[in-house]
């Protein structure tokens, strides 16, 4: 079965704290009629620090959509190579052993995709398959994992590289005064992440089943308004409550696999905000502490869109607390409203198996 190896993650060197964000909002929008509400919402995100691809002074300027997209591509080319190299090393592979590249980003655009640039410049074979995903927002991290798993199941001995490049700060819109946009200014951060899914060998999460679920008639709850000034983030106030509608989909997928979604050994959940994690804990009947790695990503990096699940997984793996045979779930949420869900079993280094250990042998380990 396909194995998702330990991701590599990089965040830019420029940072902004929660206190600086609140002070900035007060300084820039002193007369905004809903400023107290926006400040409250930002403070409730629990985000302590975010990383930015540019200094805050340049981030606040808007040189135009064309220039911002140029910056996105320039920074992507500067930062992706080192992250890809580490991800390949984590999977014990070289670039010429990769059969497909899935590239996800909802914050910049290019044609041809960055996959073509990587093939031409980072040592990948000319026959490497390319799959760019650009319109699934935060759910794209989960979608990339699932499409990589599907590819490996369809192609024996295949290896798939996933690359997520999200520079959310380049979508800052200084003239957009909606509360949803003001909230996004204090929630989203920048990051580059990469991970390899191997058909054979490797250690990490052995991907056993995946699924997707769309909540009907919620297309306008999370979206972009594409204007001359670029991407304007639109966020409906009903979004934080979507876990009540999505939790049954997570439970159903686990049921199909003979697992109890509320009694797994680890959870890698997209941390769009603290309420997402709180509500999912409630509706699945899971101890909130089981979402600690997702919450750490949110606290230290903010919502880094499609890269959240990869960073939370990195934290879990690097903690060294996952026993061989542990069973878990990964889930990404985004526009649509869409959930991309995967189930998997932990494969320790130098082992390979298809049947998980009995739950009583796993739960004696503290995660």
Foldseek 3Di string as FASTA:
>chain_A
DKFWFAKFKDFADEKDFLVRLLVVLCVLCVPQPCNVVLNVLLVQQLAGMAGANDHVVVLLDQPWPVVLQVVLVVVCVVPVQVRQVVQCVRQVHAQQQAQEEEEEEQAHDDPVDCVVVCCVPVVYDPNRHYHYDHFFKLQVLLVVVVVQVVVCVVDPFHKYKYKYWYRPSSQQDSVDSDSVSSSVSSFEHGMIMMHMITSDDHFHWAWDDKDKDFDPPQQQQWDFDQDRSGTDTHHHPCVLVCLVVCLVVQQVRQVVVVHQQQDFDAEQEQPLGPSNLVVSCVVSVHDSVRHVLLVVCCHHHGRNINCSSSSSRNVVVVVVQFDFQGKYKYWTAGRSRMIIITITTGHDHPDDDDDGDPPVVGVVGHD
